[in-house]
Structures are given as structure tokens and as C-alpha cells.
Amino acid sequence: MFDTTIISGSGEAGERPGTFRIARRVARDRVISTVDPQARHTRKTSAARRDGYKAHVAAEPESGLFTECALTAANAADGPTGVQLLDDEEPGLEVLGDSAYSSGETRAALRAAKHLQTIKPAPLAAAVPRVHRPRLHH
């Protein structure tokens, strides 16, 4: 996908006075819809991109019942929202989460709330940078 953002009056001037250049990048918190200005871009992988919102839920694992829920812009971090969902819970919960909840800040907040953490660690960075080789067509 190719995307552009128009730089406004405080941005770069264009070639002629009163004009502006188009940036060939995406602004971090860019508004993507004039109909729904709170919606945002996100991506799970480089190929799996989404626009809109994220639903966050806290569930009781034995019954599967939701105990809390929140809706955020798609680009909101999962960890801080997940911690907020547990604000009214008693200490000592076992918190199960994927690597989206593995940041140091999220883990520290769960530790401070005296919750047991069972969270998948974040993926490690490659020890050797990937080399992209051109594909050979036969």
C-alpha cells in the first residue's frame, strides 16, 4: 500500500509560495476517516493491516465470561489498556496474555498490582540482519 500525508501550513513549503509538499510517509496518529475521526491504522504483521479500532477484553478463563471491556483506536498499545481493565480486581490474579502485553511498563504495573503474570515474551530481534535477495524468475 502506498500512502501520503499532506503537510499543512506548519510543514514544508512547496516550490511556489502558498503551496505545500506531499510527504511520502504516514503520520504517527493520522486521521484516516472524515466520517470517523477517531479511527486509526494498525498492523499485526507487514501483510495484515487494519483500520479502525481494537476491542480489549478481560475474561474469566474457566467460564469465558467477559469481566471488563474497552474500545480504543487501532493504534493504541494493548498493555496499558489491559492493565486498566484490571484496576478494580483484587491482587493475586493470574494474568494470561500474549506478547502484546509483555512490555516492561505493563509487567511493572501488573507486579505493582500483585498479579501473577503468564505472558508470552516479546520476540527477540534477529542476531544477524536479514538480507533481502532479489527473486530469480525462470
Foldseek 3Di string as FASTA:
>chain_A
DWDKDWDDPVDDADPDPPHGDIDRDDDPADQDDPVDRQKAKDAPDPVRIDIGKDKDFDADVVVRHTPFIDIHHRNDQRLVVNLVRCVPPQAAAEDEEEQSNADPVSVVSNVVSNYHYDYHHDDDDDPDDDDDDDDDDD
